[in-house]
Amino acid sequence: MVPSFASFHCVTMRDYLLGANEHCVAYVSKQKQSKRCSTKFRILESDLSEIKRLYQQYERQMDNKARRETLRDIALICLCHNHYGEHFLAAAVEQWENDICSPISSHHLAEVLSAETEDGDGVPALEFKRLISEKVEALT
């Protein structure tokens, strides 16, 4: 079964990927609940820089195929070995394309950020920065 993934808006947030959140960005279904994959791995500062570079590249690209490939490259940084298969990468790209096109609400972001990991560890609350709302408002 192909899992769902953290919202692309979260994947591009430094605080979401570091610290207590050092988990794969896939969500798996267990007992009718979706929880963040508990596979831990370290995302380095250089990975964050690469995600930022790739996202900027994505924003400049006009060709859909190139944009999908860029999202795939981001997924390769954020997914653990359990979710490295082509069908997982394709599912992440498809979901993230939809995330990018959809407006984001702070309520939705809070739900995603407060989700538990597969092994039951709660994710500590994060402080929301006004920048996110301003970016979304600017897009509408």
N, C-alpha and C. Protein backbone atom coordinates (compact mmCIF):
# COMPACT_ATOMS: atom_id res chain seq x y z
N MET A 1 0.83 -1.17 0.00
CA MET A 1 0.00 0.00 0.00
C MET A 1 0.88 1.25 0.00
N VAL A 2 0.56 2.21 -0.82
CA VAL A 2 1.32 3.45 -0.91
C VAL A 2 0.84 4.39 0.19
N PRO A 3 1.77 4.88 1.01
CA PRO A 3 1.38 5.79 2.08
C PRO A 3 1.11 7.20 1.56
N SER A 4 0.63 8.03 2.44
CA SER A 4 0.55 9.45 2.12
C SER A 4 1.85 10.08 2.64
N PHE A 5 2.02 11.34 2.38
CA PHE A 5 3.27 12.00 2.73
C PHE A 5 2.99 13.32 3.41
N ALA A 6 3.97 13.81 4.15
CA ALA A 6 3.83 15.13 4.76
C ALA A 6 3.56 16.14 3.66
N SER A 7 2.79 17.14 3.99
CA SER A 7 2.49 18.20 3.03
C SER A 7 3.79 18.80 2.50
N PHE A 8 3.80 19.14 1.21
CA PHE A 8 5.00 19.74 0.64
C PHE A 8 5.36 21.03 1.35
N HIS A 9 4.36 21.74 1.86
CA HIS A 9 4.62 22.98 2.59
C HIS A 9 5.44 22.69 3.85
N CYS A 10 5.20 21.54 4.48
CA CYS A 10 5.98 21.15 5.66
C CYS A 10 7.38 20.70 5.28
N VAL A 11 7.47 19.97 4.18
CA VAL A 11 8.76 19.43 3.74
C VAL A 11 9.76 20.56 3.47
N THR A 12 9.27 21.71 3.09
CA THR A 12 10.17 22.83 2.81
C THR A 12 10.45 23.68 4.04
N MET A 13 9.95 23.26 5.20
CA MET A 13 10.20 24.00 6.44
C MET A 13 11.35 23.37 7.21
N ARG A 14 12.36 24.14 7.51
CA ARG A 14 13.54 23.66 8.22
C ARG A 14 13.18 22.99 9.55
N ASP A 15 12.32 23.63 10.35
CA ASP A 15 11.97 23.11 11.67
C ASP A 15 11.25 21.76 11.60
N TYR A 16 10.56 21.52 10.51
CA TYR A 16 9.83 20.26 10.38
C TYR A 16 10.79 19.09 10.15
N LEU A 17 11.88 19.33 9.47
CA LEU A 17 12.79 18.24 9.11
C LEU A 17 13.89 17.97 10.13
N LEU A 18 14.16 18.92 11.00
CA LEU A 18 15.24 18.77 11.97
C LEU A 18 14.71 18.49 13.37
N GLY A 19 15.63 18.19 14.27
CA GLY A 19 15.28 18.02 15.67
C GLY A 19 14.50 16.75 15.92
N ALA A 20 13.40 16.90 16.68
CA ALA A 20 12.58 15.74 17.07
C ALA A 20 11.88 15.12 15.88
N ASN A 21 11.90 15.80 14.76
CA ASN A 21 11.19 15.31 13.58
C ASN A 21 12.08 14.52 12.63
N GLU A 22 13.17 13.98 13.11
CA GLU A 22 14.08 13.26 12.23
C GLU A 22 13.49 11.90 11.86
N HIS A 23 12.46 11.97 11.06
CA HIS A 23 11.78 10.78 10.57
C HIS A 23 11.54 10.96 9.08
N CYS A 24 11.30 9.87 8.44
CA CYS A 24 10.86 9.87 7.05
C CYS A 24 9.57 10.69 6.95
N VAL A 25 9.31 11.32 5.81
CA VAL A 25 8.11 12.15 5.66
C VAL A 25 6.89 11.36 5.18
N ALA A 26 7.00 10.05 5.08
CA ALA A 26 5.85 9.22 4.70
C ALA A 26 4.96 9.00 5.91
N TYR A 27 3.66 8.84 5.65
CA TYR A 27 2.70 8.47 6.68
C TYR A 27 2.16 7.11 6.32
N VAL A 28 2.14 6.21 7.28
CA VAL A 28 1.67 4.85 7.03
C VAL A 28 0.38 4.60 7.80
N SER A 29 -0.45 3.75 7.26
CA SER A 29 -1.72 3.43 7.91
C SER A 29 -1.54 2.18 8.76
N LYS A 30 -1.89 2.31 10.02
CA LYS A 30 -1.88 1.17 10.94
C LYS A 30 -3.12 1.28 11.80
N GLN A 31 -3.88 0.22 11.83
CA GLN A 31 -5.10 0.16 12.63
C GLN A 31 -6.01 1.35 12.34
N LYS A 32 -6.24 1.61 11.06
CA LYS A 32 -7.12 2.67 10.57
C LYS A 32 -6.68 4.08 10.96
N GLN A 33 -5.41 4.23 11.33
CA GLN A 33 -4.85 5.55 11.64
C GLN A 33 -3.63 5.79 10.78
N SER A 34 -3.42 7.01 10.40
CA SER A 34 -2.25 7.37 9.62
C SER A 34 -1.24 8.03 10.55
N LYS A 35 -0.06 7.43 10.64
CA LYS A 35 0.98 7.97 11.51
C LYS A 35 2.27 8.10 10.72
N ARG A 36 3.07 9.06 11.12
CA ARG A 36 4.33 9.30 10.43
C ARG A 36 5.25 8.09 10.59
N CYS A 37 5.92 7.74 9.52
CA CYS A 37 6.86 6.61 9.53
C CYS A 37 7.84 6.80 10.68
N SER A 38 8.11 5.74 11.41
CA SER A 38 8.99 5.85 12.57
C SER A 38 10.46 5.63 12.24
N THR A 39 10.77 5.35 10.98
CA THR A 39 12.16 5.17 10.60
C THR A 39 12.91 6.48 10.77
N LYS A 40 13.92 6.43 11.61
CA LYS A 40 14.68 7.65 11.88
C LYS A 40 15.91 7.71 10.98
N PHE A 41 16.20 8.88 10.51
CA PHE A 41 17.44 9.13 9.79
C PHE A 41 17.73 10.61 9.88
N ARG A 42 18.95 10.96 9.74
CA ARG A 42 19.35 12.35 9.92
C ARG A 42 19.33 13.09 8.59
N ILE A 43 18.65 14.23 8.63
CA ILE A 43 18.70 15.14 7.51
C ILE A 43 19.71 16.21 7.88
N LEU A 44 20.71 16.36 7.06
CA LEU A 44 21.81 17.29 7.35
C LEU A 44 21.49 18.70 6.86
N GLU A 45 22.24 19.66 7.39
CA GLU A 45 22.09 21.05 6.93
C GLU A 45 22.30 21.12 5.42
N SER A 46 23.24 20.32 4.91
CA SER A 46 23.48 20.33 3.46
C SER A 46 22.26 19.81 2.70
N ASP A 47 21.51 18.87 3.31
CA ASP A 47 20.27 18.38 2.69
C ASP A 47 19.23 19.50 2.63
N LEU A 48 19.15 20.29 3.71
CA LEU A 48 18.21 21.41 3.73
C LEU A 48 18.56 22.43 2.66
N SER A 49 19.83 22.68 2.50
CA SER A 49 20.28 23.61 1.46
C SER A 49 19.92 23.07 0.08
N GLU A 50 20.06 21.76 -0.09
CA GLU A 50 19.73 21.14 -1.37
C GLU A 50 18.21 21.20 -1.63
N ILE A 51 17.40 20.98 -0.60
CA ILE A 51 15.95 21.08 -0.75
C ILE A 51 15.58 22.50 -1.17
N LYS A 52 16.18 23.47 -0.52
CA LYS A 52 15.91 24.88 -0.85
C LYS A 52 16.31 25.18 -2.30
N ARG A 53 17.49 24.70 -2.69
CA ARG A 53 17.96 24.92 -4.06
C ARG A 53 17.02 24.27 -5.06
N LEU A 54 16.61 23.04 -4.78
CA LEU A 54 15.71 22.32 -5.67
C LEU A 54 14.34 23.00 -5.76
N TYR A 55 13.85 23.50 -4.64
CA TYR A 55 12.56 24.17 -4.66
C TYR A 55 12.64 25.46 -5.49
N GLN A 56 13.72 26.19 -5.35
CA GLN A 56 13.90 27.39 -6.17
C GLN A 56 13.99 27.02 -7.65
N GLN A 57 14.66 25.92 -7.93
CA GLN A 57 14.75 25.42 -9.31
C GLN A 57 13.35 25.06 -9.80
N TYR A 58 12.58 24.38 -8.98
CA TYR A 58 11.21 24.00 -9.32
C TYR A 58 10.37 25.22 -9.70
N GLU A 59 10.49 26.28 -8.89
CA GLU A 59 9.70 27.49 -9.14
C GLU A 59 10.05 28.16 -10.46
N ARG A 60 11.27 27.98 -10.93
CA ARG A 60 11.70 28.61 -12.19
C ARG A 60 11.37 27.75 -13.41
N GLN A 61 11.14 26.48 -13.22
CA GLN A 61 10.92 25.57 -14.34
C GLN A 61 9.51 25.72 -14.91
N MET A 62 9.42 25.61 -16.21
CA MET A 62 8.12 25.68 -16.88
C MET A 62 7.66 24.32 -17.38
N ASP A 63 8.59 23.44 -17.66
CA ASP A 63 8.29 22.12 -18.20
C ASP A 63 7.81 21.20 -17.07
N ASN A 64 6.61 20.61 -17.23
CA ASN A 64 6.05 19.75 -16.18
C ASN A 64 6.91 18.54 -15.88
N LYS A 65 7.51 17.96 -16.90
CA LYS A 65 8.37 16.78 -16.68
C LYS A 65 9.57 17.16 -15.81
N ALA A 66 10.19 18.29 -16.10
CA ALA A 66 11.34 18.76 -15.31
C ALA A 66 10.91 19.07 -13.88
N ARG A 67 9.73 19.65 -13.72
CA ARG A 67 9.23 19.97 -12.37
C ARG A 67 8.98 18.70 -11.57
N ARG A 68 8.43 17.69 -12.22
CA ARG A 68 8.20 16.40 -11.54
C ARG A 68 9.53 15.76 -11.13
N GLU A 69 10.52 15.86 -11.99
CA GLU A 69 11.84 15.30 -11.67
C GLU A 69 12.47 16.02 -10.48
N THR A 70 12.26 17.32 -10.39
CA THR A 70 12.79 18.09 -9.27
C THR A 70 12.10 17.67 -7.97
N LEU A 71 10.78 17.49 -8.00
CA LEU A 71 10.07 17.01 -6.81
C LEU A 71 10.55 15.61 -6.42
N ARG A 72 10.83 14.78 -7.41
CA ARG A 72 11.36 13.44 -7.15
C ARG A 72 12.70 13.53 -6.44
N ASP A 73 13.54 14.48 -6.85
CA ASP A 73 14.85 14.66 -6.20
C ASP A 73 14.68 15.08 -4.75
N ILE A 74 13.68 15.91 -4.48
CA ILE A 74 13.40 16.30 -3.09
C ILE A 74 12.94 15.09 -2.29
N ALA A 75 12.08 14.27 -2.89
CA ALA A 75 11.59 13.06 -2.21
C ALA A 75 12.75 12.13 -1.86
N LEU A 76 13.73 12.02 -2.73
CA LEU A 76 14.88 11.15 -2.46
C LEU A 76 15.64 11.59 -1.20
N ILE A 77 15.59 12.86 -0.89
CA ILE A 77 16.27 13.37 0.31
C ILE A 77 15.44 13.08 1.56
N CYS A 78 14.12 13.11 1.45
CA CYS A 78 13.22 13.08 2.61
C CYS A 78 12.64 11.72 2.97
N LEU A 79 12.79 10.73 2.11
CA LEU A 79 12.19 9.42 2.36
C LEU A 79 13.23 8.41 2.82
N CYS A 80 12.84 7.53 3.72
CA CYS A 80 13.74 6.50 4.22
C CYS A 80 13.86 5.35 3.21
N HIS A 81 14.73 4.41 3.52
CA HIS A 81 14.96 3.27 2.63
C HIS A 81 13.69 2.42 2.41
N ASN A 82 12.78 2.44 3.37
CA ASN A 82 11.53 1.68 3.23
C ASN A 82 10.59 2.28 2.20
N HIS A 83 10.79 3.56 1.87
CA HIS A 83 9.90 4.26 0.95
C HIS A 83 10.65 4.81 -0.26
N TYR A 84 11.70 4.11 -0.65
CA TYR A 84 12.53 4.56 -1.76
C TYR A 84 12.11 4.00 -3.11
N GLY A 85 11.14 3.13 -3.14
CA GLY A 85 10.71 2.53 -4.40
C GLY A 85 10.08 3.54 -5.35
N GLU A 86 10.11 3.22 -6.63
CA GLU A 86 9.58 4.14 -7.65
C GLU A 86 8.11 4.48 -7.41
N HIS A 87 7.32 3.50 -6.97
CA HIS A 87 5.89 3.79 -6.74
C HIS A 87 5.71 4.76 -5.57
N PHE A 88 6.60 4.71 -4.56
CA PHE A 88 6.52 5.67 -3.46
C PHE A 88 6.94 7.06 -3.93
N LEU A 89 8.01 7.11 -4.70
CA LEU A 89 8.48 8.40 -5.22
C LEU A 89 7.43 9.05 -6.11
N ALA A 90 6.81 8.25 -6.98
CA ALA A 90 5.77 8.78 -7.87
C ALA A 90 4.57 9.28 -7.07
N ALA A 91 4.21 8.55 -6.01
CA ALA A 91 3.08 8.97 -5.18
C ALA A 91 3.40 10.27 -4.44
N ALA A 92 4.62 10.41 -3.96
CA ALA A 92 5.03 11.65 -3.28
C ALA A 92 4.97 12.83 -4.25
N VAL A 93 5.49 12.63 -5.45
CA VAL A 93 5.47 13.70 -6.46
C VAL A 93 4.04 14.10 -6.77
N GLU A 94 3.16 13.13 -6.97
CA GLU A 94 1.76 13.43 -7.29
C GLU A 94 1.09 14.20 -6.16
N GLN A 95 1.29 13.75 -4.92
CA GLN A 95 0.68 14.45 -3.79
C GLN A 95 1.24 15.86 -3.67
N TRP A 96 2.56 16.01 -3.81
CA TRP A 96 3.17 17.33 -3.64
C TRP A 96 2.75 18.30 -4.75
N GLU A 97 2.53 17.79 -5.95
CA GLU A 97 2.02 18.67 -7.01
C GLU A 97 0.67 19.24 -6.60
N ASN A 98 -0.17 18.40 -6.01
CA ASN A 98 -1.48 18.85 -5.52
C ASN A 98 -1.33 19.81 -4.35
N ASP A 99 -0.39 19.52 -3.44
CA ASP A 99 -0.16 20.40 -2.30
C ASP A 99 0.26 21.79 -2.75
N ILE A 100 1.12 21.85 -3.72
CA ILE A 100 1.64 23.13 -4.20
C ILE A 100 0.52 23.96 -4.82
N CYS A 101 -0.40 23.30 -5.49
CA CYS A 101 -1.51 24.01 -6.14
C CYS A 101 -2.63 24.38 -5.17
N SER A 102 -2.65 23.76 -4.00
CA SER A 102 -3.74 23.98 -3.05
C SER A 102 -3.36 25.04 -2.03
N PRO A 103 -4.31 25.88 -1.65
CA PRO A 103 -4.02 26.84 -0.58
C PRO A 103 -3.82 26.09 0.73
N ILE A 104 -3.05 26.65 1.61
CA ILE A 104 -2.74 26.01 2.88
C ILE A 104 -3.32 26.83 4.02
N SER A 105 -3.86 26.15 4.99
CA SER A 105 -4.38 26.86 6.16
C SER A 105 -3.50 26.54 7.35
N SER A 106 -3.42 27.45 8.30
CA SER A 106 -2.61 27.20 9.49
C SER A 106 -3.20 26.05 10.29
N HIS A 107 -4.54 25.86 10.24
CA HIS A 107 -5.17 24.74 10.94
C HIS A 107 -4.69 23.41 10.36
N HIS A 108 -4.66 23.29 9.03
CA HIS A 108 -4.18 22.07 8.39
C HIS A 108 -2.71 21.82 8.73
N LEU A 109 -1.91 22.85 8.68
CA LEU A 109 -0.50 22.71 9.01
C LEU A 109 -0.33 22.23 10.45
N ALA A 110 -1.13 22.76 11.38
CA ALA A 110 -1.03 22.36 12.78
C ALA A 110 -1.37 20.88 12.94
N GLU A 111 -2.36 20.40 12.19
CA GLU A 111 -2.72 18.97 12.25
C GLU A 111 -1.57 18.11 11.76
N VAL A 112 -0.96 18.49 10.66
CA VAL A 112 0.13 17.72 10.09
C VAL A 112 1.33 17.72 11.03
N LEU A 113 1.65 18.87 11.59
CA LEU A 113 2.82 18.98 12.43
C LEU A 113 2.66 18.30 13.77
N SER A 114 1.42 18.11 14.23
CA SER A 114 1.21 17.49 15.53
C SER A 114 0.94 15.99 15.43
N ALA A 115 1.02 15.43 14.24
CA ALA A 115 0.76 13.99 14.07
C ALA A 115 1.80 13.17 14.81
N GLU A 116 1.38 12.01 15.27
CA GLU A 116 2.30 11.12 15.98
C GLU A 116 3.07 10.28 14.98
N THR A 117 4.24 9.82 15.42
CA THR A 117 5.01 8.90 14.59
C THR A 117 4.44 7.50 14.77
N GLU A 118 4.84 6.63 13.90
CA GLU A 118 4.35 5.25 13.91
C GLU A 118 4.59 4.57 15.25
N ASP A 119 5.71 4.89 15.91
CA ASP A 119 6.03 4.25 17.18
C ASP A 119 5.43 4.97 18.39
N GLY A 120 4.56 5.99 18.13
CA GLY A 120 3.84 6.63 19.20
C GLY A 120 4.47 7.89 19.75
N ASP A 121 5.66 8.27 19.29
CA ASP A 121 6.28 9.50 19.77
C ASP A 121 5.51 10.68 19.24
N GLY A 122 5.12 11.58 20.12
CA GLY A 122 4.45 12.80 19.67
C GLY A 122 5.47 13.77 19.12
N VAL A 123 5.07 14.54 18.18
CA VAL A 123 5.93 15.57 17.61
C VAL A 123 5.67 16.85 18.40
N PRO A 124 6.69 17.47 18.96
CA PRO A 124 6.45 18.69 19.73
C PRO A 124 5.88 19.80 18.85
N ALA A 125 5.10 20.66 19.49
CA ALA A 125 4.49 21.77 18.76
C ALA A 125 5.57 22.69 18.22
N LEU A 126 5.33 23.20 17.05
CA LEU A 126 6.26 24.14 16.44
C LEU A 126 5.64 25.52 16.42
N GLU A 127 6.48 26.50 16.45
CA GLU A 127 6.01 27.88 16.37
C GLU A 127 5.80 28.24 14.91
N PHE A 128 4.60 28.73 14.58
CA PHE A 128 4.33 29.13 13.21
C PHE A 128 4.87 30.52 12.98
N LYS A 129 5.45 30.72 11.85
CA LYS A 129 5.99 32.02 11.48
C LYS A 129 5.05 32.71 10.52
N ARG A 130 4.89 33.98 10.67
CA ARG A 130 3.96 34.76 9.85
C ARG A 130 4.31 34.67 8.37
N LEU A 131 5.56 34.42 8.05
CA LEU A 131 6.01 34.34 6.66
C LEU A 131 5.15 33.38 5.85
N ILE A 132 4.78 32.26 6.43
CA ILE A 132 4.00 31.26 5.71
C ILE A 132 2.65 31.86 5.28
N SER A 133 1.95 32.52 6.18
CA SER A 133 0.66 33.12 5.83
C SER A 133 0.83 34.20 4.76
N GLU A 134 1.88 34.99 4.92
CA GLU A 134 2.10 36.05 3.95
C GLU A 134 2.35 35.49 2.56
N LYS A 135 3.09 34.38 2.48
CA LYS A 135 3.36 33.76 1.18
C LYS A 135 2.06 33.28 0.56
N VAL A 136 1.22 32.63 1.36
CA VAL A 136 -0.04 32.10 0.87
C VAL A 136 -0.95 33.24 0.45
N GLU A 137 -1.05 34.28 1.27
CA GLU A 137 -1.90 35.42 0.93
C GLU A 137 -1.43 36.08 -0.36
N ALA A 138 -0.12 36.12 -0.56
CA ALA A 138 0.42 36.74 -1.76
C ALA A 138 0.06 35.94 -3.01
N LEU A 139 -0.14 34.63 -2.85
CA LEU A 139 -0.47 33.76 -3.98
C LEU A 139 -1.94 33.86 -4.38
N THR A 140 -2.78 34.31 -3.46
CA THR A 140 -4.21 34.35 -3.76
C THR A 140 -4.64 35.68 -4.37
